[in-house]
Amino acid sequence: MSHRTLIGKPASIITLPNYDGEEFTLTPGVKGPTVIFFYPKAGSYGCTKEACQFRDAIAEKDTYAPGKVELVGISPDPVEKQKAFVEKHKLTYPVLSDSKGEAAKAYGIGKGMFGFAGVARTTIIIDAKGTIRDTLEGTLNYGAHSKFVTKWLDKLEAEEKEKSSAAAPTLPEPAAPTEAETEAPAEPAA
């Protein structure tokens, strides 16, 4: 199964240890759109760049603001390595350890770099209903992932605005005043 075959299907609920060792259950769509990015190795050049681009986007872009999207990073690294990675780079979102490959399997993530990387750098976009909308794989092109997510978040926000404006009740226009209502009152007779 490939991650591309999951587009249009419900996203899997996963429970993995967070970088702090606590179990973290991700239920995609519950907190709004969800972005899961799988990366090969905490602390490597490309993974650090990618993780920091997401950290910076949360701080700088309104579409990434808390409450608008749930962003989660996942790699096969053990909790201890994830913790050092998060603390060193001051990451502000959950970073989960998938050391047994359970989440990678659930989301159809294969190995990257012709099988040399534990997982392929893959980003999954999930809408507020918990449906997988799109995926991007690019182990070497770490910079494309935050741009991909930004475009999707803008699109999902526009869809939500369109949906809410279509659902908003339209009030009837006030009736134009009649001729009798617009004429000045007659002068009283003297």
Protein backbone atom coordinates (compact mmCIF):
# COMPACT_ATOMS: atom_id res chain seq x y z
CA MET A 1 0.00 0.00 0.00
CA SER A 2 1.29 3.44 -0.93
CA HIS A 3 0.44 6.67 0.87
CA ARG A 4 -0.99 7.95 -2.45
CA THR A 5 -3.68 5.23 -2.37
CA LEU A 6 -4.99 6.68 0.91
CA ILE A 7 -6.11 9.99 -0.63
CA GLY A 8 -9.85 10.40 -0.07
CA LYS A 9 -9.90 7.84 2.76
CA PRO A 10 -10.17 8.35 6.53
CA ALA A 11 -6.86 8.91 8.29
CA SER A 12 -5.70 6.38 10.87
CA ILE A 13 -5.70 7.16 14.58
CA ILE A 14 -2.23 6.49 15.99
CA THR A 15 -0.72 6.34 19.45
CA LEU A 16 3.04 6.71 19.77
CA PRO A 17 5.46 8.03 22.39
CA ASN A 18 6.08 11.76 22.15
CA TYR A 19 9.59 13.16 22.57
CA ASP A 20 8.92 13.48 26.32
CA GLY A 21 8.16 9.76 26.62
CA GLU A 22 4.43 10.30 27.16
CA GLU A 23 1.96 8.45 24.95
CA PHE A 24 0.42 10.76 22.34
CA THR A 25 -2.77 9.80 20.53
CA LEU A 26 -3.33 11.56 17.24
CA THR A 27 -6.92 11.60 16.04
CA PRO A 28 -6.69 13.44 12.72
CA GLY A 29 -9.29 16.12 12.08
CA VAL A 30 -10.49 16.50 15.69
CA LYS A 31 -8.60 19.78 16.19
CA GLY A 32 -9.15 20.96 12.60
CA PRO A 33 -6.87 20.15 9.68
CA THR A 34 -3.95 17.87 10.56
CA VAL A 35 -0.50 17.71 9.01
CA ILE A 36 1.71 14.70 9.64
CA PHE A 37 5.24 14.83 8.36
CA PHE A 38 7.38 11.73 8.38
CA TYR A 39 11.12 12.33 8.29
CA PRO A 40 14.04 9.91 8.10
CA LYS A 41 16.39 10.93 10.91
CA ALA A 42 16.29 13.46 13.75
CA GLY A 43 19.31 15.75 13.68
CA SER A 44 20.29 15.15 10.06
CA TYR A 45 20.73 18.23 7.88
CA GLY A 46 17.54 17.88 5.79
CA CYS A 47 15.34 16.78 8.68
CA THR A 48 16.55 19.65 10.84
CA LYS A 49 15.84 22.15 8.06
CA GLU A 50 12.37 20.73 7.49
CA ALA A 51 11.47 20.62 11.20
CA CYS A 52 12.71 24.18 11.73
CA GLN A 53 10.77 25.44 8.68
CA PHE A 54 7.58 24.10 10.31
CA ARG A 55 8.58 25.61 13.68
CA ASP A 56 9.12 29.00 12.02
CA ALA A 57 5.87 28.77 10.07
CA ILE A 58 3.95 28.26 13.33
CA ALA A 59 5.56 31.42 14.72
CA GLU A 60 5.16 33.54 11.58
CA LYS A 61 2.13 32.47 9.54
CA ASP A 62 -1.49 32.86 10.56
CA THR A 63 -2.54 29.67 8.75
CA TYR A 64 -0.33 27.68 11.15
CA ALA A 65 -1.67 29.42 14.27
CA PRO A 66 -2.64 27.23 17.23
CA GLY A 67 -6.22 26.06 16.81
CA LYS A 68 -6.05 26.27 13.01
CA VAL A 69 -3.94 23.18 12.33
CA GLU A 70 -2.45 20.27 14.23
CA LEU A 71 1.12 19.62 13.08
CA VAL A 72 2.94 16.43 14.10
CA GLY A 73 6.40 15.15 13.12
CA ILE A 74 7.17 11.41 13.14
CA SER A 75 10.41 9.49 12.59
CA PRO A 76 11.75 6.06 13.48
CA ASP A 77 14.19 7.58 15.99
CA PRO A 78 13.96 6.52 19.66
CA VAL A 79 12.40 8.87 22.23
CA GLU A 80 15.78 9.95 23.62
CA LYS A 81 16.98 11.12 20.20
CA GLN A 82 13.66 12.89 19.53
CA LYS A 83 13.90 14.67 22.89
CA ALA A 84 17.42 15.96 22.15
CA PHE A 85 16.25 17.05 18.67
CA VAL A 86 13.22 18.93 20.01
CA GLU A 87 15.16 20.63 22.79
CA LYS A 88 18.12 21.63 20.62
CA HIS A 89 15.92 23.19 17.92
CA LYS A 90 13.10 24.41 20.20
CA LEU A 91 10.40 22.63 18.21
CA THR A 92 6.91 23.66 19.27
CA TYR A 93 4.82 20.70 18.15
CA PRO A 94 4.60 16.98 18.95
CA VAL A 95 7.50 14.89 17.63
CA LEU A 96 6.70 11.21 17.85
CA SER A 97 8.88 8.12 17.91
CA ASP A 98 7.76 5.41 15.48
CA SER A 99 10.59 3.01 16.30
CA LYS A 100 8.46 -0.03 15.45
CA GLY A 101 7.20 1.45 12.15
CA GLU A 102 3.52 1.23 13.10
CA ALA A 103 2.55 4.72 11.92
CA ALA A 104 4.66 4.43 8.76
CA LYS A 105 2.84 1.19 7.94
CA ALA A 106 -0.60 2.67 8.71
CA TYR A 107 0.08 5.56 6.33
CA GLY A 108 1.84 3.57 3.61
CA ILE A 109 5.22 5.26 4.06
CA GLY A 110 8.05 3.34 2.44
CA LYS A 111 11.79 3.63 2.80
CA GLY A 112 13.51 6.68 1.36
CA MET A 113 16.62 7.27 -0.70
CA PHE A 114 16.39 3.99 -2.60
CA GLY A 115 15.94 2.06 0.64
CA PHE A 116 18.85 3.66 2.53
CA ALA A 117 16.64 5.86 4.75
CA GLY A 118 14.34 4.24 7.33
CA VAL A 119 11.33 6.16 6.02
CA ALA A 120 10.76 8.44 3.07
CA ARG A 121 10.26 12.13 3.83
CA THR A 122 6.50 12.28 3.34
CA THR A 123 3.89 14.83 4.35
CA ILE A 124 0.20 13.96 4.74
CA ILE A 125 -2.57 16.59 4.59
CA ILE A 126 -5.77 15.67 6.45
CA ASP A 127 -8.86 17.88 6.48
CA ALA A 128 -11.07 18.74 9.47
CA LYS A 129 -13.26 15.71 8.72
CA GLY A 130 -10.28 13.38 9.12
CA THR A 131 -10.01 12.61 5.40
CA ILE A 132 -6.60 12.39 3.73
CA ARG A 133 -6.58 15.05 1.03
CA ASP A 134 -3.06 14.84 -0.39
CA THR A 135 0.48 13.58 0.21
CA LEU A 136 3.94 14.67 -0.84
CA GLU A 137 7.04 12.52 -0.91
CA GLY A 138 10.44 14.06 -1.40
CA THR A 139 13.28 12.70 0.67
CA LEU A 140 15.88 15.03 -0.80
CA ASN A 141 13.64 18.07 -1.30
CA TYR A 142 12.99 18.95 2.35
CA GLY A 143 12.15 22.58 1.49
CA ALA A 144 9.12 21.63 -0.60
CA HIS A 145 7.18 20.25 2.36
CA SER A 146 6.41 23.48 4.24
CA LYS A 147 5.43 25.16 0.95
CA PHE A 148 3.15 22.22 0.14
CA VAL A 149 1.52 22.47 3.56
CA THR A 150 1.07 26.25 3.32
CA LYS A 151 -0.71 25.92 -0.04
CA TRP A 152 -2.98 23.20 1.34
CA LEU A 153 -3.81 25.12 4.51
CA ASP A 154 -4.74 28.16 2.41
CA LYS A 155 -6.92 25.93 0.22
CA LEU A 156 -8.65 24.27 3.20
CA GLU A 157 -9.26 27.67 4.81
CA ALA A 158 -10.78 28.99 1.56
CA GLU A 159 -13.01 25.90 1.31
CA GLU A 160 -14.17 26.44 4.89
CA LYS A 161 -14.96 30.11 4.25
CA GLU A 162 -16.85 29.22 1.08
CA LYS A 163 -18.80 26.54 2.93
CA SER A 164 -19.69 28.83 5.82
CA SER A 165 -20.74 31.70 3.55
CA ALA A 166 -22.91 29.32 1.51
CA ALA A 167 -24.49 28.01 4.70
CA ALA A 168 -25.08 31.46 6.19
CA PRO A 169 -28.72 32.47 6.03
CA THR A 170 -29.40 35.33 3.68
CA LEU A 171 -31.66 38.01 4.99
CA PRO A 172 -34.17 39.52 2.59
CA GLU A 173 -33.36 42.99 1.39
CA PRO A 174 -35.55 45.63 3.01
CA ALA A 175 -38.46 46.60 0.78
CA ALA A 176 -38.11 49.90 -1.03
CA PRO A 177 -40.31 52.57 0.50
CA THR A 178 -43.57 53.22 -1.29
CA GLU A 179 -44.32 56.56 -2.87
CA ALA A 180 -46.65 57.45 -0.02
CA GLU A 181 -43.88 56.80 2.51
CA THR A 182 -41.38 59.01 0.70
CA GLU A 183 -43.63 62.04 0.16
CA ALA A 184 -43.40 64.88 2.64
CA PRO A 185 -46.43 65.21 4.88
CA ALA A 186 -49.00 67.73 3.68
CA GLU A 187 -49.04 71.14 5.33
CA PRO A 188 -51.90 71.43 7.79
CA ALA A 189 -54.70 73.72 6.64
CA ALA A 190 -54.78 77.10 8.35
